[in-house]
Amino acid sequence: MGVGLVFLVAGGEFLVRGASALAAIFRIPPLVIGLTVVAFGTSMPELVTTIVASVRGQRDLAVGNVLVYIRPPPHLYIHAVSRILNAVSKG
């Protein structure tokens, strides 16, 4: 597990440095790189976990990972609840 953590940190550092270099070379705004390349890179661990679990026959882990991955972000839940409470309070 410790080795995996080292690779995770090193891979993240490699991703950010590479994306920054790519942005500098092609004169792409860092925001665009962050929203595309880095966003894709942060999704890769989930993809690899799902593929490995599926290949190993651990279908429950693969399905659970997909379900967690496609859920809406928490701020959307907060927004929805606040809108519902606002509508209920207005009666």
N, C-alpha and C. Protein backbone atom coordinates (compact mmCIF):
# COMPACT_ATOMS: atom_id res chain seq x y z
N MET A 1 0.82 -1.19 0.00
CA MET A 1 0.00 0.00 0.00
C MET A 1 0.87 1.26 0.00
N GLY A 2 1.99 1.19 0.71
CA GLY A 2 2.90 2.34 0.74
C GLY A 2 3.48 2.63 -0.62
N VAL A 3 3.78 1.58 -1.37
CA VAL A 3 4.33 1.75 -2.71
C VAL A 3 3.29 2.40 -3.61
N GLY A 4 2.04 1.98 -3.47
CA GLY A 4 0.97 2.57 -4.26
C GLY A 4 0.81 4.06 -3.98
N LEU A 5 0.95 4.45 -2.71
CA LEU A 5 0.85 5.86 -2.34
C LEU A 5 1.99 6.66 -2.95
N VAL A 6 3.18 6.09 -2.95
CA VAL A 6 4.33 6.76 -3.56
C VAL A 6 4.08 6.97 -5.05
N PHE A 7 3.59 5.93 -5.73
CA PHE A 7 3.30 6.06 -7.16
C PHE A 7 2.17 7.05 -7.42
N LEU A 8 1.19 7.09 -6.54
CA LEU A 8 0.09 8.04 -6.69
C LEU A 8 0.59 9.48 -6.60
N VAL A 9 1.41 9.76 -5.60
CA VAL A 9 1.95 11.11 -5.43
C VAL A 9 2.87 11.46 -6.59
N ALA A 10 3.74 10.53 -6.97
CA ALA A 10 4.67 10.79 -8.08
C ALA A 10 3.91 10.98 -9.39
N GLY A 11 2.88 10.18 -9.61
CA GLY A 11 2.08 10.32 -10.83
C GLY A 11 1.34 11.64 -10.87
N GLY A 12 0.82 12.06 -9.73
CA GLY A 12 0.13 13.36 -9.67
C GLY A 12 1.08 14.51 -9.97
N GLU A 13 2.27 14.43 -9.39
CA GLU A 13 3.28 15.46 -9.63
C GLU A 13 3.68 15.48 -11.11
N PHE A 14 3.88 14.32 -11.68
CA PHE A 14 4.23 14.20 -13.10
C PHE A 14 3.12 14.79 -13.97
N LEU A 15 1.88 14.51 -13.62
CA LEU A 15 0.75 15.02 -14.39
C LEU A 15 0.69 16.54 -14.37
N VAL A 16 0.82 17.12 -13.18
CA VAL A 16 0.73 18.58 -13.06
C VAL A 16 1.90 19.26 -13.77
N ARG A 17 3.09 18.73 -13.58
CA ARG A 17 4.26 19.34 -14.26
C ARG A 17 4.15 19.20 -15.78
N GLY A 18 3.72 18.04 -16.23
CA GLY A 18 3.56 17.84 -17.67
C GLY A 18 2.50 18.73 -18.26
N ALA A 19 1.39 18.86 -17.55
CA ALA A 19 0.30 19.73 -18.04
C ALA A 19 0.75 21.18 -18.07
N SER A 20 1.51 21.60 -17.07
CA SER A 20 2.01 22.97 -17.05
C SER A 20 2.98 23.22 -18.20
N ALA A 21 3.84 22.24 -18.47
CA ALA A 21 4.78 22.38 -19.59
C ALA A 21 4.03 22.42 -20.92
N LEU A 22 3.02 21.60 -21.05
CA LEU A 22 2.21 21.58 -22.27
C LEU A 22 1.53 22.93 -22.48
N ALA A 23 1.01 23.48 -21.41
CA ALA A 23 0.36 24.80 -21.50
C ALA A 23 1.36 25.86 -21.95
N ALA A 24 2.57 25.81 -21.40
CA ALA A 24 3.59 26.80 -21.76
C ALA A 24 4.03 26.66 -23.22
N ILE A 25 4.21 25.42 -23.67
CA ILE A 25 4.68 25.19 -25.03
C ILE A 25 3.67 25.68 -26.07
N PHE A 26 2.41 25.35 -25.86
CA PHE A 26 1.38 25.69 -26.84
C PHE A 26 0.64 26.98 -26.52
N ARG A 27 1.11 27.70 -25.50
CA ARG A 27 0.50 28.96 -25.06
C ARG A 27 -1.00 28.80 -24.81
N ILE A 28 -1.32 27.72 -24.13
CA ILE A 28 -2.71 27.45 -23.75
C ILE A 28 -2.89 27.95 -22.32
N PRO A 29 -3.98 28.65 -22.05
CA PRO A 29 -4.20 29.12 -20.68
C PRO A 29 -4.22 27.95 -19.68
N PRO A 30 -3.59 28.12 -18.54
CA PRO A 30 -3.56 27.05 -17.53
C PRO A 30 -4.95 26.56 -17.14
N LEU A 31 -5.94 27.44 -17.17
CA LEU A 31 -7.30 27.03 -16.82
C LEU A 31 -7.81 25.96 -17.79
N VAL A 32 -7.53 26.14 -19.07
CA VAL A 32 -7.98 25.17 -20.07
C VAL A 32 -7.29 23.82 -19.84
N ILE A 33 -6.00 23.85 -19.56
CA ILE A 33 -5.27 22.62 -19.28
C ILE A 33 -5.85 21.96 -18.02
N GLY A 34 -6.12 22.74 -17.02
CA GLY A 34 -6.68 22.20 -15.78
C GLY A 34 -8.03 21.56 -15.97
N LEU A 35 -8.84 22.15 -16.82
CA LEU A 35 -10.19 21.63 -17.04
C LEU A 35 -10.22 20.44 -17.99
N THR A 36 -9.14 20.19 -18.70
CA THR A 36 -9.13 19.08 -19.65
C THR A 36 -8.13 18.00 -19.26
N VAL A 37 -6.86 18.28 -19.43
CA VAL A 37 -5.82 17.28 -19.21
C VAL A 37 -5.79 16.82 -17.76
N VAL A 38 -5.77 17.75 -16.83
CA VAL A 38 -5.69 17.38 -15.42
C VAL A 38 -6.99 16.70 -14.97
N ALA A 39 -8.11 17.17 -15.47
CA ALA A 39 -9.38 16.51 -15.12
C ALA A 39 -9.40 15.07 -15.62
N PHE A 40 -8.91 14.85 -16.81
CA PHE A 40 -8.84 13.49 -17.34
C PHE A 40 -7.89 12.64 -16.49
N GLY A 41 -6.77 13.22 -16.13
CA GLY A 41 -5.78 12.49 -15.34
C GLY A 41 -6.29 12.10 -13.97
N THR A 42 -7.11 12.93 -13.38
CA THR A 42 -7.64 12.59 -12.06
C THR A 42 -8.71 11.52 -12.15
N SER A 43 -9.26 11.29 -13.33
CA SER A 43 -10.26 10.24 -13.51
C SER A 43 -9.61 8.88 -13.82
N MET A 44 -8.36 8.89 -14.17
CA MET A 44 -7.70 7.65 -14.56
C MET A 44 -7.64 6.59 -13.45
N PRO A 45 -7.40 6.95 -12.18
CA PRO A 45 -7.38 5.89 -11.16
C PRO A 45 -8.71 5.14 -11.07
N GLU A 46 -9.82 5.84 -11.18
CA GLU A 46 -11.12 5.17 -11.16
C GLU A 46 -11.29 4.24 -12.35
N LEU A 47 -10.84 4.70 -13.51
CA LEU A 47 -10.95 3.89 -14.71
C LEU A 47 -10.11 2.62 -14.58
N VAL A 48 -8.87 2.77 -14.14
CA VAL A 48 -7.99 1.61 -13.98
C VAL A 48 -8.55 0.65 -12.94
N THR A 49 -9.03 1.18 -11.82
CA THR A 49 -9.61 0.33 -10.78
C THR A 49 -10.79 -0.46 -11.31
N THR A 50 -11.65 0.19 -12.07
CA THR A 50 -12.82 -0.48 -12.63
C THR A 50 -12.42 -1.57 -13.61
N ILE A 51 -11.45 -1.29 -14.47
CA ILE A 51 -11.01 -2.27 -15.45
C ILE A 51 -10.36 -3.47 -14.76
N VAL A 52 -9.48 -3.21 -13.80
CA VAL A 52 -8.79 -4.30 -13.09
C VAL A 52 -9.81 -5.14 -12.32
N ALA A 53 -10.76 -4.49 -11.64
CA ALA A 53 -11.77 -5.24 -10.89
C ALA A 53 -12.61 -6.09 -11.83
N SER A 54 -12.95 -5.57 -12.99
CA SER A 54 -13.75 -6.32 -13.94
C SER A 54 -12.98 -7.53 -14.49
N VAL A 55 -11.71 -7.32 -14.81
CA VAL A 55 -10.89 -8.41 -15.33
C VAL A 55 -10.71 -9.51 -14.28
N ARG A 56 -10.61 -9.12 -13.02
CA ARG A 56 -10.44 -10.09 -11.93
C ARG A 56 -11.75 -10.74 -11.52
N GLY A 57 -12.84 -10.33 -12.15
CA GLY A 57 -14.12 -10.93 -11.83
C GLY A 57 -14.81 -10.31 -10.63
N GLN A 58 -14.32 -9.19 -10.15
CA GLN A 58 -14.92 -8.51 -9.01
C GLN A 58 -15.94 -7.50 -9.54
N ARG A 59 -17.02 -8.03 -10.07
CA ARG A 59 -18.03 -7.19 -10.72
C ARG A 59 -18.66 -6.19 -9.76
N ASP A 60 -18.84 -6.58 -8.48
CA ASP A 60 -19.46 -5.67 -7.53
C ASP A 60 -18.61 -4.42 -7.31
N LEU A 61 -17.29 -4.59 -7.25
CA LEU A 61 -16.40 -3.45 -7.11
C LEU A 61 -16.45 -2.57 -8.35
N ALA A 62 -16.47 -3.18 -9.51
CA ALA A 62 -16.51 -2.42 -10.76
C ALA A 62 -17.81 -1.62 -10.85
N VAL A 63 -18.94 -2.25 -10.56
CA VAL A 63 -20.23 -1.55 -10.63
C VAL A 63 -20.30 -0.45 -9.58
N GLY A 64 -19.84 -0.74 -8.36
CA GLY A 64 -19.84 0.27 -7.31
C GLY A 64 -18.99 1.47 -7.68
N ASN A 65 -17.84 1.22 -8.29
CA ASN A 65 -16.97 2.31 -8.70
C ASN A 65 -17.63 3.17 -9.78
N VAL A 66 -18.29 2.54 -10.71
CA VAL A 66 -18.98 3.30 -11.76
C VAL A 66 -20.11 4.13 -11.15
N LEU A 67 -20.88 3.54 -10.25
CA LEU A 67 -21.99 4.28 -9.64
C LEU A 67 -21.51 5.48 -8.85
N VAL A 68 -20.41 5.32 -8.13
CA VAL A 68 -19.86 6.45 -7.37
C VAL A 68 -19.30 7.50 -8.32
N TYR A 69 -18.70 7.06 -9.41
CA TYR A 69 -18.07 7.99 -10.35
C TYR A 69 -19.11 8.85 -11.06
N ILE A 70 -20.28 8.30 -11.37
CA ILE A 70 -21.26 9.07 -12.15
C ILE A 70 -22.24 9.86 -11.29
N ARG A 71 -22.11 9.79 -9.97
CA ARG A 71 -23.04 10.53 -9.12
C ARG A 71 -22.75 12.02 -9.24
N PRO A 72 -23.78 12.85 -9.02
CA PRO A 72 -23.56 14.29 -9.08
C PRO A 72 -22.68 14.76 -7.92
N PRO A 73 -21.98 15.86 -8.10
CA PRO A 73 -21.14 16.38 -7.01
C PRO A 73 -22.00 16.85 -5.83
N PRO A 74 -21.45 16.82 -4.62
CA PRO A 74 -22.23 17.16 -3.43
C PRO A 74 -22.87 18.54 -3.45
N HIS A 75 -22.24 19.51 -4.10
CA HIS A 75 -22.83 20.85 -4.08
C HIS A 75 -24.18 20.88 -4.80
N LEU A 76 -24.40 19.97 -5.74
CA LEU A 76 -25.71 19.92 -6.40
C LEU A 76 -26.79 19.43 -5.44
N TYR A 77 -26.41 18.50 -4.55
CA TYR A 77 -27.37 18.05 -3.54
C TYR A 77 -27.73 19.19 -2.61
N ILE A 78 -26.73 19.94 -2.18
CA ILE A 78 -26.97 21.07 -1.28
C ILE A 78 -27.86 22.10 -1.96
N HIS A 79 -27.59 22.38 -3.21
CA HIS A 79 -28.40 23.34 -3.96
C HIS A 79 -29.84 22.84 -4.08
N ALA A 80 -30.02 21.58 -4.40
CA ALA A 80 -31.38 21.03 -4.55
C ALA A 80 -32.13 21.08 -3.23
N VAL A 81 -31.49 20.71 -2.13
CA VAL A 81 -32.15 20.75 -0.83
C VAL A 81 -32.51 22.17 -0.44
N SER A 82 -31.62 23.12 -0.70
CA SER A 82 -31.92 24.51 -0.35
C SER A 82 -33.10 25.05 -1.17
N ARG A 83 -33.19 24.64 -2.43
CA ARG A 83 -34.32 25.09 -3.26
C ARG A 83 -35.62 24.47 -2.77
N ILE A 84 -35.57 23.21 -2.37
CA ILE A 84 -36.78 22.55 -1.86
C ILE A 84 -37.22 23.20 -0.56
N LEU A 85 -36.25 23.44 0.35
CA LEU A 85 -36.60 24.08 1.62
C LEU A 85 -37.13 25.49 1.40
N ASN A 86 -36.58 26.20 0.45
CA ASN A 86 -37.05 27.55 0.13
C ASN A 86 -38.48 27.50 -0.40
N ALA A 87 -38.77 26.55 -1.27
CA ALA A 87 -40.13 26.42 -1.83
C ALA A 87 -41.13 26.02 -0.75
N VAL A 88 -40.71 25.14 0.16
CA VAL A 88 -41.61 24.70 1.23
C VAL A 88 -41.88 25.83 2.20
N SER A 89 -40.87 26.64 2.52
CA SER A 89 -41.05 27.72 3.48
C SER A 89 -41.95 28.82 2.93
N LYS A 90 -42.00 28.97 1.60
CA LYS A 90 -42.87 29.99 1.01
C LYS A 90 -44.31 29.50 0.95
N GLY A 91 -44.48 28.20 1.15
CA GLY A 91 -45.80 27.63 1.30
C GLY A 91 -46.58 27.40 0.11
